[in-house]
C-alpha atoms as a PDB file:
ATOM      1  CA  MET A   1      -7.382   5.408 -14.202  1.00  0.00           C
ATOM      2  CA  GLU A   2      -6.130   1.894 -14.903  1.00  0.00           C
ATOM      3  CA  LEU A   3      -7.398  -1.481 -13.727  1.00  0.00           C
ATOM      4  CA  VAL A   4      -4.198  -3.159 -12.564  1.00  0.00           C
ATOM      5  CA  ASP A   5      -5.521  -6.481 -11.298  1.00  0.00           C
ATOM      6  CA  VAL A   6      -8.530  -8.351  -9.951  1.00  0.00           C
ATOM      7  CA  ASP A   7      -8.423 -11.193  -7.421  1.00  0.00           C
ATOM      8  CA  TYR A   8     -11.282 -13.405  -6.323  1.00  0.00           C
ATOM      9  CA  VAL A   9     -10.041 -15.421  -3.358  1.00  0.00           C
ATOM     10  CA  ARG A  10     -11.377 -17.275  -0.373  1.00  0.00           C
ATOM     11  CA  GLU A  11      -9.780 -16.538   2.948  1.00  0.00           C
ATOM     12  CA  ARG A  12     -12.250 -16.778   5.812  1.00  0.00           C
ATOM     13  CA  ASP A  13     -14.825 -15.226   3.469  1.00  0.00           C
ATOM     14  CA  TRP A  14     -14.810 -14.683  -0.288  1.00  0.00           C
ATOM     15  CA  TYR A  15     -13.127 -11.453  -1.448  1.00  0.00           C
ATOM     16  CA  LEU A  16     -13.311  -9.677  -4.775  1.00  0.00           C
ATOM     17  CA  ARG A  17     -10.273  -7.381  -4.791  1.00  0.00           C
ATOM     18  CA  VAL A  18      -9.933  -4.682  -7.431  1.00  0.00           C
ATOM     19  CA  TYR A  19      -6.594  -2.904  -7.788  1.00  0.00           C
ATOM     20  CA  LEU A  20      -6.400   0.509  -9.475  1.00  0.00           C
ATOM     21  CA  ASP A  21      -3.633   2.904 -10.396  1.00  0.00           C
ATOM     22  CA  LYS A  22      -3.178   6.236 -12.091  1.00  0.00           C
ATOM     23  CA  PRO A  23      -0.400   8.771 -12.492  1.00  0.00           C
ATOM     24  CA  GLY A  24       0.109  10.427  -9.117  1.00  0.00           C
ATOM     25  CA  GLY A  25      -1.507   7.487  -7.319  1.00  0.00           C
ATOM     26  CA  VAL A  26      -4.995   6.433  -6.323  1.00  0.00           C
ATOM     27  CA  ASP A  27      -6.798   8.181  -3.461  1.00  0.00           C
ATOM     28  CA  LEU A  28      -9.832   7.287  -1.356  1.00  0.00           C
ATOM     29  CA  ASP A  29     -12.202   9.167  -3.669  1.00  0.00           C
ATOM     30  CA  ASP A  30     -11.037   7.041  -6.616  1.00  0.00           C
ATOM     31  CA  CYS A  31     -11.566   3.843  -4.643  1.00  0.00           C
ATOM     32  CA  GLN A  32     -15.005   4.952  -3.481  1.00  0.00           C
ATOM     33  CA  LEU A  33     -16.071   5.877  -7.018  1.00  0.00           C
ATOM     34  CA  VAL A  34     -15.003   2.502  -8.445  1.00  0.00           C
ATOM     35  CA  SER A  35     -16.526   0.668  -5.488  1.00  0.00           C
ATOM     36  CA  GLU A  36     -19.909   2.380  -6.020  1.00  0.00           C
ATOM     37  CA  LYS A  37     -19.853   1.724  -9.773  1.00  0.00           C
ATOM     38  CA  THR A  38     -18.902  -1.928  -9.206  1.00  0.00           C
ATOM     39  CA  LYS A  39     -21.699  -2.365  -6.657  1.00  0.00           C
ATOM     40  CA  CYS A  40     -24.170  -0.742  -9.059  1.00  0.00           C
ATOM     41  CA  CYS A  41     -23.190  -3.136 -11.882  1.00  0.00           C
ATOM     42  CA  ALA A  42     -23.207  -6.108  -9.517  1.00  0.00           C
ATOM     43  CA  ARG A  43     -26.772  -5.330  -8.459  1.00  0.00           C
ATOM     44  CA  ARG A  44     -27.894  -5.567 -12.094  1.00  0.00           C
ATOM     45  CA  LYS A  45     -25.961  -8.613 -13.202  1.00  0.00           C
ATOM     46  CA  ASP A  46     -23.378 -10.233 -10.946  1.00  0.00           C
ATOM     47  CA  PRO A  47     -21.751 -13.384 -12.335  1.00  0.00           C
ATOM     48  CA  ILE A  48     -20.578 -14.326  -8.831  1.00  0.00           C
ATOM     49  CA  THR A  49     -23.235 -16.255  -6.938  1.00  0.00           C
ATOM     50  CA  GLU A  50     -21.504 -16.476  -3.533  1.00  0.00           C
ATOM     51  CA  ASN A  51     -21.586 -13.669  -0.991  1.00  0.00           C
ATOM     52  CA  TYR A  52     -18.311 -11.779  -1.074  1.00  0.00           C
ATOM     53  CA  LEU A  53     -16.596  -8.694   0.265  1.00  0.00           C
ATOM     54  CA  LEU A  54     -15.583  -6.063  -2.272  1.00  0.00           C
ATOM     55  CA  GLU A  55     -12.234  -4.355  -1.704  1.00  0.00           C
ATOM     56  CA  VAL A  56     -10.989  -1.578  -3.991  1.00  0.00           C
ATOM     57  CA  SER A  57      -7.485  -0.217  -3.497  1.00  0.00           C
ATOM     58  CA  SER A  58      -4.191   0.718  -5.095  1.00  0.00           C
ATOM     59  CA  PRO A  59      -1.744  -2.141  -5.674  1.00  0.00           C
ATOM     60  CA  GLY A  60       0.290  -0.786  -2.747  1.00  0.00           C
ATOM     61  CA  LEU A  61       3.892   0.277  -2.335  1.00  0.00           C
ATOM     62  CA  ASP A  62       5.035  -3.328  -2.618  1.00  0.00           C
ATOM     63  CA  ARG A  63       2.956  -4.003  -5.711  1.00  0.00           C
ATOM     64  CA  VAL A  64       3.332  -7.159  -7.736  1.00  0.00           C
ATOM     65  CA  LEU A  65       4.902  -6.582 -11.146  1.00  0.00           C
ATOM     66  CA  LYS A  66       3.014  -8.719 -13.666  1.00  0.00           C
ATOM     67  CA  LYS A  67       2.965  -6.960 -17.013  1.00  0.00           C
ATOM     68  CA  ASP A  68       5.767  -5.829 -19.306  1.00  0.00           C
ATOM     69  CA  LYS A  69       4.732  -2.217 -18.751  1.00  0.00           C
ATOM     70  CA  ASP A  70       5.289  -2.774 -15.003  1.00  0.00           C
ATOM     71  CA  LEU A  71       8.801  -4.010 -15.730  1.00  0.00           C
ATOM     72  CA  VAL A  72       9.489  -0.943 -17.899  1.00  0.00           C
ATOM     73  CA  ARG A  73       8.020   1.466 -15.328  1.00  0.00           C
ATOM     74  CA  TYR A  74       9.993   0.027 -12.406  1.00  0.00           C
ATOM     75  CA  ASN A  75      13.233  -0.811 -14.230  1.00  0.00           C
ATOM     76  CA  GLY A  76      16.173   0.080 -11.973  1.00  0.00           C
ATOM     77  CA  ARG A  77      14.158  -0.360  -8.759  1.00  0.00           C
ATOM     78  CA  ASP A  78      14.783  -2.839  -5.964  1.00  0.00           C
ATOM     79  CA  VAL A  79      12.508  -5.854  -6.182  1.00  0.00           C
ATOM     80  CA  ASP A  80      11.796  -9.071  -4.293  1.00  0.00           C
ATOM     81  CA  ILE A  81      11.865 -12.152  -6.519  1.00  0.00           C
ATOM     82  CA  GLN A  82      10.091 -15.403  -5.606  1.00  0.00           C
ATOM     83  CA  LEU A  83      10.942 -18.461  -7.669  1.00  0.00           C
ATOM     84  CA  PHE A  84       8.967 -21.672  -8.092  1.00  0.00           C
ATOM     85  CA  LYS A  85      12.034 -23.838  -7.453  1.00  0.00           C
ATOM     86  CA  PRO A  86      15.230 -23.064  -5.527  1.00  0.00           C
ATOM     87  CA  ILE A  87      18.360 -21.922  -7.294  1.00  0.00           C
ATOM     88  CA  ASN A  88      21.543 -22.307  -5.254  1.00  0.00           C
ATOM     89  CA  GLY A  89      19.348 -23.358  -2.316  1.00  0.00           C
ATOM     90  CA  SER A  90      17.108 -20.266  -2.353  1.00  0.00           C
ATOM     91  CA  LYS A  91      13.696 -19.435  -3.799  1.00  0.00           C
ATOM     92  CA  GLN A  92      13.744 -15.782  -2.651  1.00  0.00           C
ATOM     93  CA  PHE A  93      16.049 -13.020  -3.806  1.00  0.00           C
ATOM     94  CA  THR A  94      16.205  -9.244  -3.508  1.00  0.00           C
ATOM     95  CA  GLY A  95      17.874  -7.313  -6.282  1.00  0.00           C
ATOM     96  CA  VAL A  96      17.623  -4.551  -8.865  1.00  0.00           C
ATOM     97  CA  LEU A  97      15.376  -5.062 -11.901  1.00  0.00           C
ATOM     98  CA  GLU A  98      17.653  -4.502 -14.928  1.00  0.00           C
ATOM     99  CA  GLY A  99      15.670  -5.477 -17.986  1.00  0.00           C
ATOM    100  CA  PHE A 100      13.742  -8.243 -19.701  1.00  0.00           C
ATOM    101  CA  THR A 101      13.058 -10.110 -22.904  1.00  0.00           C
ATOM    102  CA  ASP A 102      10.057 -12.157 -23.958  1.00  0.00           C
ATOM    103  CA  THR A 103      11.430 -15.173 -22.063  1.00  0.00           C
ATOM    104  CA  THR A 104      13.793 -13.840 -19.361  1.00  0.00           C
ATOM    105  CA  ILE A 105      14.112 -11.124 -16.729  1.00  0.00           C
ATOM    106  CA  ASP A 106      17.475  -9.648 -15.680  1.00  0.00           C
ATOM    107  CA  PHE A 107      18.457  -8.600 -12.175  1.00  0.00           C
ATOM    108  CA  THR A 108      21.505  -7.481 -10.239  1.00  0.00           C
ATOM    109  CA  ILE A 109      21.611  -9.440  -6.980  1.00  0.00           C
ATOM    110  CA  ASN A 110      24.382  -8.725  -4.480  1.00  0.00           C
ATOM    111  CA  GLY A 111      26.384  -7.022  -7.244  1.00  0.00           C
ATOM    112  CA  GLU A 112      26.087 -10.031  -9.588  1.00  0.00           C
ATOM    113  CA  SER A 113      24.059 -10.066 -12.808  1.00  0.00           C
ATOM    114  CA  MET A 114      21.492 -12.861 -12.846  1.00  0.00           C
ATOM    115  CA  THR A 115      18.931 -13.813 -15.463  1.00  0.00           C
ATOM    116  CA  PHE A 116      15.883 -15.945 -14.682  1.00  0.00           C
ATOM    117  CA  GLU A 117      13.512 -17.552 -17.130  1.00  0.00           C
ATOM    118  CA  ARG A 118      10.066 -15.952 -16.768  1.00  0.00           C
ATOM    119  CA  SER A 119       8.608 -19.418 -16.341  1.00  0.00           C
ATOM    120  CA  ALA A 120      10.813 -19.914 -13.224  1.00  0.00           C
ATOM    121  CA  ILE A 121       9.508 -16.744 -11.514  1.00  0.00           C
ATOM    122  CA  ALA A 122       6.469 -17.110  -9.254  1.00  0.00           C
ATOM    123  CA  GLN A 123       6.278 -13.402  -8.380  1.00  0.00           C
ATOM    124  CA  ILE A 124       8.160 -10.095  -8.507  1.00  0.00           C
ATOM    125  CA  ARG A 125       7.255  -7.335  -6.033  1.00  0.00           C
ATOM    126  CA  LEU A 126       8.652  -3.888  -5.418  1.00  0.00           C
ATOM    127  CA  HIS A 127      10.978  -4.130  -2.437  1.00  0.00           C
ATOM    128  CA  LEU A 128      10.259  -2.031   0.637  1.00  0.00           C
ATOM    129  CA  ASP A 129      12.910  -1.141   3.152  1.00  0.00           C
ATOM    130  CA  PHE A 130      11.396  -0.776   6.576  1.00  0.00           C
ATOM    131  CA  LEU A 131      12.840   1.384   9.278  1.00  0.00           C
ATOM    132  CA  ILE A 132      11.945   1.918  12.910  1.00  0.00           C
ATOM    133  CA  TYR A 133      10.656   5.433  13.553  1.00  0.00           C
ATOM    134  CA  GLY A 134       9.471   6.231  17.063  1.00  0.00           C
ATOM    135  CA  GLY A 135       9.130   2.519  17.849  1.00  0.00           C
ATOM    136  CA  ILE A 136       6.936   1.888  14.767  1.00  0.00           C
ATOM    137  CA  ARG A 137       8.065  -0.090  11.702  1.00  0.00           C
ATOM    138  CA  VAL A 138       7.500   2.146   8.664  1.00  0.00           C
ATOM    139  CA  SER A 139       8.574   2.058   5.030  1.00  0.00           C
ATOM    140  CA  GLN A 140      11.385   4.212   3.728  1.00  0.00           C
ATOM    141  CA  GLU A 141       8.921   5.670   1.193  1.00  0.00           C
ATOM    142  CA  LEU A 142       6.617   6.846   3.990  1.00  0.00           C
ATOM    143  CA  ILE A 143       9.483   8.498   5.824  1.00  0.00           C
ATOM    144  CA  GLN A 144      10.569  10.227   2.586  1.00  0.00           C
ATOM    145  CA  ALA A 145       6.996  11.488   2.042  1.00  0.00           C
ATOM    146  CA  VAL A 146       6.858  12.792   5.600  1.00  0.00           C
ATOM    147  CA  MET A 147      10.190  14.587   5.138  1.00  0.00           C
ATOM    148  CA  VAL A 148       8.941  16.245   1.946  1.00  0.00           C
ATOM    149  CA  LEU A 149       5.808  17.429   3.796  1.00  0.00           C
ATOM    150  CA  THR A 150       7.995  18.619   6.648  1.00  0.00           C
ATOM    151  CA  LYS A 151       9.977  20.801   4.270  1.00  0.00           C
ATOM    152  CA  GLN A 152       7.003  21.988   2.212  1.00  0.00           C
ATOM    153  CA  LYS A 153       4.533  22.658   5.039  1.00  0.00           C
ATOM    154  CA  GLY A 154       6.846  23.209   8.000  1.00  0.00           C
ATOM    155  CA  PHE A 155       5.241  20.501  10.187  1.00  0.00           C
ATOM    156  CA  ALA A 156       7.334  18.464  12.574  1.00  0.00           C
ATOM    157  CA  PRO A 157       7.538  14.780  11.515  1.00  0.00           C
ATOM    158  CA  GLU A 158       5.992  13.727  14.812  1.00  0.00           C
ATOM    159  CA  VAL A 159       2.892  15.844  14.050  1.00  0.00           C
ATOM    160  CA  ILE A 160       2.468  14.154  10.683  1.00  0.00           C
ATOM    161  CA  PHE A 161       2.833  10.641  12.133  1.00  0.00           C
ATOM    162  CA  GLU A 162       0.395  11.476  14.923  1.00  0.00           C
ATOM    163  CA  SER A 163      -2.094  12.776  12.336  1.00  0.00           C
ATOM    164  CA  LEU A 164      -1.692   9.596  10.275  1.00  0.00           C
ATOM    165  CA  GLU A 165      -2.262   7.482  13.358  1.00  0.00           C
ATOM    166  CA  ALA A 166      -5.383   9.473  14.316  1.00  0.00           C
ATOM    167  CA  ALA A 167      -6.768   9.202  10.760  1.00  0.00           C
ATOM    168  CA  LEU A 168      -6.168   5.445  10.647  1.00  0.00           C
ATOM    169  CA  LEU A 169      -7.824   4.926  14.019  1.00  0.00           C
ATOM    170  CA  GLN A 170     -10.805   7.031  12.945  1.00  0.00           C
ATOM    171  CA  ALA A 171     -11.143   5.087   9.678  1.00  0.00           C
ATOM    172  CA  TYR A 172     -10.871   1.800  11.573  1.00  0.00           C
ATOM    173  CA  ARG A 173     -13.701   2.799  13.913  1.00  0.00           C
ATOM    174  CA  LYS A 174     -15.894   3.669  10.908  1.00  0.00           C
ATOM    175  CA  GLU A 175     -15.193   0.359   9.103  1.00  0.00           C
ATOM    176  CA  PRO A 176     -18.437  -1.357   8.182  1.00  0.00           C
ATOM    177  CA  THR A 177     -18.951  -4.838   9.598  1.00  0.00           C
ATOM    178  CA  SER A 178     -18.715  -7.897   7.363  1.00  0.00           C
ATOM    179  CA  ASN A 179     -22.510  -8.218   7.362  1.00  0.00           C
ATOM    180  CA  GLN A 180     -22.934  -4.642   6.160  1.00  0.00           C
ATOM    181  CA  MET A 181     -20.428  -5.180   3.342  1.00  0.00           C
ATOM    182  CA  ARG A 182     -22.161  -8.371   2.149  1.00  0.00           C
ATOM    183  CA  THR A 183     -25.166  -6.386   0.955  1.00  0.00           C
ATOM    184  CA  LEU A 184     -23.881  -5.417  -2.469  1.00  0.00           C
END
């Protein structure tokens, strides 16, 4: 398992967000294990004095690409690029990640090769195409996963989406309150 990133941010409350990844993806058991170990260490010696909420998760389907190994791993994929300053009137682009050097990153945007200085790039994220399925906005990756399950297990796509919805609602109802999560 790999520690991808850590954020400590204030929104309404303070959040310590830990992002994990591993080949094949991170599951709930992985997140729970790291959460419990982090809480255990924090009880002994926590350098953070404020109350905060701990969140442990994968970086998500639209993960931020920060390290060179991310750029290697996702070379050839569609990405969203956010620049610090506009170029040709725009700070946001969507294109294909084509390569990089120590100082630049190459993309194909609307069929045109473009190179940006790393120092000009605020953020690069994997691009997600969203589609409407049964009135719900879902990612193309989710639909592909459902189709694979449909073929492998013989379930109708509607059954899988209904199961996902039921699982999410059940997890939502079991979410601990903010006060319960503050007791690390």
